[in-house]
């Protein structure tokens, strides 16, 4: 059987440049699973994290937090979109196990009530991601 090499662009139908594709291929081939690929939003994204995006793997908490932070960052540059605040994935587990006093300081540097939406990622039974949202515009 002859294997054909499929590029990242063809496989995932993306609009990356040839140079970007070469960087992606090199990074995925040469790094170990624990190699840090990028540090953004105070999150270290490793090759292992990136691999959760392939082959029908389960997404991990780092990828969920990273993507939600990308959404929040994008929203800050678009005034026509609702202002959002993203809670970290660890918010719900910490609240459930250690209580309110543990998480109350997580928003001490911001006025959370100036947002339109608060988005909270929830990992149910370690096999399903869902989002809880608090719509501050429709408070009752």
N, C-alpha and C. Protein backbone atom coordinates (compact mmCIF):
# COMPACT_ATOMS: atom_id res chain seq x y z
N UNK A 1 0.84 -1.18 0.00
CA UNK A 1 0.00 0.00 0.00
C UNK A 1 0.88 1.25 0.00
N UNK A 2 0.56 2.19 -0.82
CA UNK A 2 1.33 3.43 -0.92
C UNK A 2 0.64 4.51 -0.10
N UNK A 3 1.42 5.11 0.83
CA UNK A 3 0.88 6.21 1.63
C UNK A 3 1.15 7.52 0.91
N UNK A 4 0.17 8.37 0.88
CA UNK A 4 0.38 9.69 0.30
C UNK A 4 0.45 10.70 1.42
N UNK A 5 1.32 11.66 1.26
CA UNK A 5 1.49 12.72 2.25
C UNK A 5 0.42 13.78 2.01
N UNK A 6 -0.38 14.03 3.01
CA UNK A 6 -1.43 15.06 2.91
C UNK A 6 -0.98 16.24 3.75
N UNK A 7 -1.04 17.42 3.19
CA UNK A 7 -0.62 18.61 3.92
C UNK A 7 -1.66 18.99 4.96
N UNK A 8 -1.23 19.78 5.93
CA UNK A 8 -2.13 20.28 6.97
C UNK A 8 -3.27 21.06 6.32
N UNK A 9 -2.93 21.87 5.32
CA UNK A 9 -3.94 22.68 4.63
C UNK A 9 -5.01 21.81 3.98
N UNK A 10 -4.59 20.75 3.32
CA UNK A 10 -5.55 19.85 2.67
C UNK A 10 -6.36 19.06 3.71
N UNK A 11 -5.68 18.57 4.74
CA UNK A 11 -6.34 17.71 5.73
C UNK A 11 -7.40 18.47 6.53
N UNK A 12 -7.08 19.69 6.92
CA UNK A 12 -7.99 20.44 7.79
C UNK A 12 -8.69 21.60 7.10
N UNK A 13 -8.50 21.73 5.79
CA UNK A 13 -9.15 22.77 5.02
C UNK A 13 -8.93 24.15 5.63
N UNK A 14 -7.65 24.48 5.86
CA UNK A 14 -7.31 25.75 6.48
C UNK A 14 -6.69 26.69 5.46
N UNK A 15 -6.56 27.92 5.83
CA UNK A 15 -5.94 28.91 4.96
C UNK A 15 -4.58 29.32 5.49
N UNK A 16 -3.75 28.35 5.82
CA UNK A 16 -2.41 28.68 6.29
C UNK A 16 -1.48 28.79 5.09
N UNK A 17 -0.44 29.62 5.25
CA UNK A 17 0.54 29.77 4.19
C UNK A 17 1.46 28.55 4.18
N UNK A 18 2.21 28.40 3.11
CA UNK A 18 3.17 27.30 3.01
C UNK A 18 4.20 27.40 4.14
N UNK A 19 4.65 28.61 4.44
CA UNK A 19 5.62 28.80 5.53
C UNK A 19 5.01 28.38 6.88
N UNK A 20 3.77 28.79 7.13
CA UNK A 20 3.10 28.40 8.38
C UNK A 20 2.94 26.89 8.45
N UNK A 21 2.59 26.28 7.34
CA UNK A 21 2.43 24.83 7.31
C UNK A 21 3.74 24.12 7.63
N UNK A 22 4.84 24.63 7.11
CA UNK A 22 6.15 24.04 7.39
C UNK A 22 6.49 24.16 8.87
N UNK A 23 6.16 25.28 9.47
CA UNK A 23 6.41 25.48 10.90
C UNK A 23 5.58 24.50 11.72
N UNK A 24 4.31 24.34 11.35
CA UNK A 24 3.43 23.40 12.06
C UNK A 24 3.96 21.98 11.95
N UNK A 25 4.29 21.56 10.75
CA UNK A 25 4.79 20.20 10.53
C UNK A 25 6.08 19.97 11.33
N UNK A 26 6.99 20.92 11.27
CA UNK A 26 8.26 20.80 11.99
C UNK A 26 8.02 20.71 13.50
N UNK A 27 7.16 21.58 14.00
CA UNK A 27 6.87 21.60 15.43
C UNK A 27 6.28 20.29 15.91
N UNK A 28 5.33 19.75 15.16
CA UNK A 28 4.67 18.51 15.56
C UNK A 28 5.58 17.29 15.42
N UNK A 29 6.54 17.35 14.52
CA UNK A 29 7.44 16.21 14.31
C UNK A 29 8.62 16.21 15.27
N UNK A 30 9.09 17.38 15.69
CA UNK A 30 10.36 17.45 16.40
C UNK A 30 10.24 17.60 17.92
N UNK A 31 9.14 17.99 18.42
CA UNK A 31 9.01 18.22 19.86
C UNK A 31 8.47 16.99 20.58
N UNK A 32 8.82 16.89 21.87
CA UNK A 32 8.26 15.83 22.70
C UNK A 32 6.88 16.25 23.17
N UNK A 33 6.12 15.32 23.71
CA UNK A 33 4.75 15.63 24.14
C UNK A 33 4.69 16.77 25.16
N UNK A 34 5.69 16.89 26.01
CA UNK A 34 5.67 17.92 27.05
C UNK A 34 6.35 19.22 26.64
N UNK A 35 6.80 19.30 25.39
CA UNK A 35 7.41 20.54 24.90
C UNK A 35 6.36 21.63 24.82
N UNK A 36 6.71 22.80 25.34
CA UNK A 36 5.78 23.93 25.29
C UNK A 36 5.86 24.54 23.89
N UNK A 37 4.71 24.59 23.21
CA UNK A 37 4.61 25.13 21.86
C UNK A 37 4.39 26.64 21.91
N UNK A 38 3.55 27.08 22.84
CA UNK A 38 3.31 28.51 23.01
C UNK A 38 2.87 28.77 24.45
N UNK A 39 3.13 29.98 24.89
CA UNK A 39 2.60 30.45 26.18
C UNK A 39 1.84 31.73 25.90
N UNK A 40 0.55 31.63 26.05
CA UNK A 40 -0.34 32.76 25.80
C UNK A 40 -1.46 32.71 26.83
N UNK A 41 -1.94 33.89 27.25
CA UNK A 41 -3.01 33.98 28.25
C UNK A 41 -2.60 33.28 29.55
N UNK A 42 -1.32 33.29 29.87
CA UNK A 42 -0.80 32.60 31.05
C UNK A 42 -1.02 31.09 30.99
N UNK A 43 -1.16 30.55 29.80
CA UNK A 43 -1.34 29.12 29.60
C UNK A 43 -0.16 28.58 28.79
N UNK A 44 0.42 27.48 29.27
CA UNK A 44 1.44 26.79 28.50
C UNK A 44 0.75 25.72 27.67
N UNK A 45 0.84 25.85 26.35
CA UNK A 45 0.24 24.86 25.45
C UNK A 45 1.36 23.96 24.95
N UNK A 46 1.23 22.67 25.23
CA UNK A 46 2.26 21.70 24.85
C UNK A 46 1.86 20.96 23.59
N UNK A 47 2.81 20.19 23.08
CA UNK A 47 2.50 19.35 21.92
C UNK A 47 1.39 18.37 22.27
N UNK A 48 1.40 17.86 23.49
CA UNK A 48 0.35 16.93 23.94
C UNK A 48 -1.02 17.62 23.86
N UNK A 49 -1.09 18.88 24.28
CA UNK A 49 -2.34 19.63 24.18
C UNK A 49 -2.78 19.77 22.73
N UNK A 50 -1.85 20.14 21.86
CA UNK A 50 -2.16 20.30 20.44
C UNK A 50 -2.68 19.00 19.84
N UNK A 51 -2.10 17.89 20.27
CA UNK A 51 -2.52 16.59 19.73
C UNK A 51 -3.96 16.23 20.09
N UNK A 52 -4.53 16.89 21.10
CA UNK A 52 -5.94 16.62 21.41
C UNK A 52 -6.85 17.18 20.32
N UNK A 53 -6.31 17.99 19.43
CA UNK A 53 -7.08 18.56 18.33
C UNK A 53 -7.11 17.65 17.10
N UNK A 54 -6.47 16.51 17.18
CA UNK A 54 -6.38 15.61 16.02
C UNK A 54 -7.05 14.28 16.30
N UNK A 55 -7.40 13.60 15.24
CA UNK A 55 -7.85 12.21 15.28
C UNK A 55 -8.98 11.92 16.27
N UNK A 56 -9.94 12.79 16.36
CA UNK A 56 -11.11 12.58 17.25
C UNK A 56 -10.74 12.36 18.71
N UNK A 57 -9.67 13.00 19.16
CA UNK A 57 -9.29 12.93 20.58
C UNK A 57 -10.18 13.83 21.41
N UNK A 58 -10.19 13.57 22.73
CA UNK A 58 -10.91 14.43 23.65
C UNK A 58 -10.12 15.72 23.85
N UNK A 59 -10.81 16.85 23.82
CA UNK A 59 -10.15 18.12 24.09
C UNK A 59 -9.82 18.21 25.57
N UNK A 60 -8.65 18.76 25.88
CA UNK A 60 -8.30 18.89 27.30
C UNK A 60 -8.56 20.31 27.79
N UNK A 61 -8.39 20.51 29.10
CA UNK A 61 -8.70 21.79 29.72
C UNK A 61 -7.85 22.93 29.18
N UNK A 62 -6.59 22.68 28.86
CA UNK A 62 -5.73 23.74 28.34
C UNK A 62 -6.25 24.26 26.99
N UNK A 63 -6.67 23.37 26.14
CA UNK A 63 -7.19 23.77 24.83
C UNK A 63 -8.51 24.53 25.00
N UNK A 64 -9.38 24.06 25.88
CA UNK A 64 -10.64 24.77 26.13
C UNK A 64 -10.38 26.16 26.67
N UNK A 65 -9.52 26.28 27.68
CA UNK A 65 -9.20 27.60 28.24
C UNK A 65 -8.56 28.51 27.20
N UNK A 66 -7.66 27.97 26.40
CA UNK A 66 -6.98 28.75 25.37
C UNK A 66 -7.99 29.29 24.36
N UNK A 67 -8.86 28.42 23.86
CA UNK A 67 -9.83 28.84 22.85
C UNK A 67 -10.81 29.87 23.40
N UNK A 68 -11.27 29.68 24.61
CA UNK A 68 -12.20 30.65 25.20
C UNK A 68 -11.51 32.00 25.40
N UNK A 69 -10.23 31.99 25.74
CA UNK A 69 -9.49 33.25 25.85
C UNK A 69 -9.31 33.92 24.49
N UNK A 70 -9.14 33.12 23.43
CA UNK A 70 -9.09 33.70 22.08
C UNK A 70 -10.39 34.40 21.74
N UNK A 71 -11.51 33.77 22.10
CA UNK A 71 -12.83 34.37 21.85
C UNK A 71 -12.95 35.68 22.62
N UNK A 72 -12.57 35.67 23.89
CA UNK A 72 -12.67 36.88 24.71
C UNK A 72 -11.80 37.99 24.15
N UNK A 73 -10.59 37.66 23.74
CA UNK A 73 -9.69 38.65 23.16
C UNK A 73 -10.27 39.23 21.88
N UNK A 74 -10.82 38.38 21.05
CA UNK A 74 -11.43 38.83 19.81
C UNK A 74 -12.61 39.75 20.09
N UNK A 75 -13.39 39.44 21.10
CA UNK A 75 -14.55 40.27 21.46
C UNK A 75 -14.15 41.66 21.92
N UNK A 76 -13.00 41.78 22.58
CA UNK A 76 -12.60 43.10 23.07
C UNK A 76 -12.31 44.06 21.93
N UNK A 77 -12.00 43.52 20.77
CA UNK A 77 -11.69 44.35 19.61
C UNK A 77 -12.91 44.64 18.74
N UNK A 78 -14.06 44.15 19.14
CA UNK A 78 -15.28 44.32 18.33
C UNK A 78 -16.39 44.89 19.22
N UNK A 79 -16.51 46.21 19.24
CA UNK A 79 -17.47 46.84 20.15
C UNK A 79 -18.93 46.48 19.89
N UNK A 80 -19.25 45.95 18.73
CA UNK A 80 -20.64 45.57 18.44
C UNK A 80 -21.01 44.23 19.06
N UNK A 81 -20.02 43.49 19.57
CA UNK A 81 -20.29 42.20 20.23
C UNK A 81 -20.44 42.39 21.73
N UNK A 82 -21.14 41.47 22.40
CA UNK A 82 -21.29 41.58 23.84
C UNK A 82 -19.94 41.51 24.54
N UNK A 83 -19.80 42.24 25.62
CA UNK A 83 -18.58 42.18 26.42
C UNK A 83 -18.67 40.91 27.28
N UNK A 84 -17.64 40.09 27.21
CA UNK A 84 -17.69 38.80 27.92
C UNK A 84 -16.52 38.64 28.87
N UNK A 85 -16.76 37.85 29.87
CA UNK A 85 -15.70 37.43 30.79
C UNK A 85 -15.71 35.91 30.80
N UNK A 86 -14.53 35.33 30.65
CA UNK A 86 -14.40 33.87 30.64
C UNK A 86 -13.84 33.43 31.98
N UNK A 87 -14.53 32.54 32.64
CA UNK A 87 -13.99 31.94 33.86
C UNK A 87 -13.09 30.77 33.45
N UNK A 88 -12.06 30.54 34.20
CA UNK A 88 -11.15 29.44 33.95
C UNK A 88 -11.86 28.12 34.17
N UNK A 89 -11.41 27.09 33.47
CA UNK A 89 -11.98 25.74 33.62
C UNK A 89 -11.98 25.30 35.08
N UNK A 90 -11.00 25.71 35.85
CA UNK A 90 -10.88 25.24 37.23
C UNK A 90 -11.88 25.91 38.18
N UNK A 91 -12.63 26.89 37.71
CA UNK A 91 -13.58 27.60 38.57
C UNK A 91 -14.61 26.66 39.19
N UNK A 92 -15.29 25.87 38.38
CA UNK A 92 -16.36 24.99 38.89
C UNK A 92 -15.80 23.92 39.83
N UNK A 93 -14.73 23.19 39.47
CA UNK A 93 -14.20 22.19 40.41
C UNK A 93 -13.75 22.81 41.74
N UNK A 94 -13.13 23.99 41.67
CA UNK A 94 -12.68 24.65 42.91
C UNK A 94 -13.87 25.11 43.74
N UNK A 95 -14.88 25.65 43.09
CA UNK A 95 -16.07 26.09 43.80
C UNK A 95 -16.76 24.91 44.47
N UNK A 96 -16.88 23.78 43.74
CA UNK A 96 -17.55 22.60 44.28
C UNK A 96 -16.78 21.95 45.42
N UNK A 97 -15.47 21.88 45.31
CA UNK A 97 -14.70 21.15 46.32
C UNK A 97 -14.22 22.02 47.47
N UNK A 98 -13.85 23.28 47.20
CA UNK A 98 -13.28 24.11 48.25
C UNK A 98 -14.15 25.29 48.66
N UNK A 99 -15.22 25.54 47.91
CA UNK A 99 -16.18 26.57 48.31
C UNK A 99 -15.90 27.96 47.75
N UNK A 100 -16.85 28.82 48.01
CA UNK A 100 -16.85 30.19 47.50
C UNK A 100 -15.61 30.98 47.90
N UNK A 101 -15.17 30.84 49.15
CA UNK A 101 -14.02 31.62 49.62
C UNK A 101 -12.77 31.37 48.79
N UNK A 102 -12.68 30.22 48.16
CA UNK A 102 -11.52 29.90 47.32
C UNK A 102 -11.55 30.66 46.00
N UNK A 103 -12.73 30.86 45.43
CA UNK A 103 -12.81 31.48 44.09
C UNK A 103 -13.23 32.94 44.12
N UNK A 104 -13.63 33.47 45.26
CA UNK A 104 -14.14 34.84 45.29
C UNK A 104 -13.09 35.88 44.88
N UNK A 105 -11.83 35.57 45.07
CA UNK A 105 -10.77 36.52 44.70
C UNK A 105 -10.38 36.44 43.23
N UNK A 106 -10.95 35.50 42.50
CA UNK A 106 -10.59 35.34 41.08
C UNK A 106 -10.99 36.54 40.24
N UNK A 107 -11.93 37.31 40.70
CA UNK A 107 -12.38 38.48 39.93
C UNK A 107 -12.13 39.78 40.70
N UNK A 108 -11.22 39.76 41.65
CA UNK A 108 -11.00 40.96 42.47
C UNK A 108 -10.41 42.13 41.70
N UNK A 109 -9.74 41.87 40.58
CA UNK A 109 -9.10 42.94 39.81
C UNK A 109 -9.99 43.49 38.70
N UNK A 110 -11.18 42.94 38.56
CA UNK A 110 -12.09 43.42 37.51
C UNK A 110 -13.48 43.61 38.11
N UNK A 111 -14.25 44.46 37.46
CA UNK A 111 -15.66 44.59 37.83
C UNK A 111 -16.45 43.67 36.89
N UNK A 112 -16.74 42.50 37.38
CA UNK A 112 -17.37 41.46 36.55
C UNK A 112 -18.74 41.90 36.03
N UNK A 113 -19.37 42.83 36.73
CA UNK A 113 -20.72 43.25 36.36
C UNK A 113 -20.73 44.27 35.21
N UNK A 114 -19.57 44.63 34.68
CA UNK A 114 -19.51 45.50 33.50
C UNK A 114 -19.60 44.66 32.22
N UNK A 115 -19.64 43.35 32.36
CA UNK A 115 -19.74 42.45 31.21
C UNK A 115 -21.20 42.17 30.89
N UNK A 116 -21.43 41.75 29.64
CA UNK A 116 -22.76 41.31 29.24
C UNK A 116 -22.97 39.83 29.53
N UNK A 117 -21.89 39.05 29.33
CA UNK A 117 -21.97 37.60 29.53
C UNK A 117 -20.77 37.12 30.34
N UNK A 118 -21.03 36.15 31.18
CA UNK A 118 -19.95 35.42 31.86
C UNK A 118 -20.06 33.99 31.35
N UNK A 119 -18.96 33.48 30.84
CA UNK A 119 -18.94 32.14 30.28
C UNK A 119 -18.08 31.24 31.16
N UNK A 120 -18.66 30.10 31.54
CA UNK A 120 -18.00 29.19 32.46
C UNK A 120 -17.92 27.81 31.82
N UNK A 121 -16.70 27.34 31.48
CA UNK A 121 -16.58 25.98 30.94
C UNK A 121 -16.77 24.95 32.04
N UNK A 122 -17.50 23.90 31.73
CA UNK A 122 -17.77 22.83 32.70
C UNK A 122 -17.44 21.50 32.04
N UNK A 123 -16.64 20.70 32.73
CA UNK A 123 -16.28 19.38 32.23
C UNK A 123 -17.10 18.35 33.01
N UNK A 124 -18.12 17.80 32.37
CA UNK A 124 -19.03 16.87 33.03
C UNK A 124 -18.49 15.45 32.96
N UNK A 125 -18.35 14.82 34.10
CA UNK A 125 -17.96 13.41 34.20
C UNK A 125 -16.67 13.09 33.44
N UNK A 126 -15.81 14.07 33.27
CA UNK A 126 -14.55 13.90 32.55
C UNK A 126 -14.70 13.39 31.12
N UNK A 127 -15.87 13.58 30.52
CA UNK A 127 -16.03 13.12 29.14
C UNK A 127 -16.91 14.03 28.28
N UNK A 128 -17.33 15.18 28.81
CA UNK A 128 -18.20 16.04 28.02
C UNK A 128 -17.99 17.49 28.46
N UNK A 129 -17.71 18.35 27.49
CA UNK A 129 -17.58 19.78 27.77
C UNK A 129 -18.90 20.48 27.48
N UNK A 130 -19.23 21.41 28.35
CA UNK A 130 -20.38 22.26 28.13
C UNK A 130 -20.04 23.65 28.66
N UNK A 131 -20.83 24.63 28.30
CA UNK A 131 -20.61 25.99 28.79
C UNK A 131 -21.84 26.45 29.56
N UNK A 132 -21.59 27.00 30.71
CA UNK A 132 -22.65 27.68 31.45
C UNK A 132 -22.48 29.17 31.15
N UNK A 133 -23.57 29.86 30.90
CA UNK A 133 -23.48 31.29 30.64
C UNK A 133 -24.38 32.03 31.61
N UNK A 134 -23.89 33.18 32.01
CA UNK A 134 -24.67 34.09 32.85
C UNK A 134 -24.88 35.35 32.02
N UNK A 135 -26.12 35.63 31.71
CA UNK A 135 -26.47 36.79 30.89
C UNK A 135 -26.80 37.94 31.85
N UNK A 136 -25.85 38.85 32.02
CA UNK A 136 -26.04 39.94 32.97
C UNK A 136 -26.98 41.03 32.46
N UNK A 137 -27.30 40.99 31.19
CA UNK A 137 -28.28 41.94 30.66
C UNK A 137 -29.70 41.57 31.01
N UNK A 138 -29.93 40.30 31.31
CA UNK A 138 -31.27 39.81 31.61
C UNK A 138 -31.40 39.33 33.05
N UNK A 139 -30.86 40.13 33.96
CA UNK A 139 -30.96 39.79 35.38
C UNK A 139 -32.40 39.94 35.85
N UNK A 140 -32.82 39.03 36.66
CA UNK A 140 -34.18 39.08 37.19
C UNK A 140 -34.11 39.46 38.65
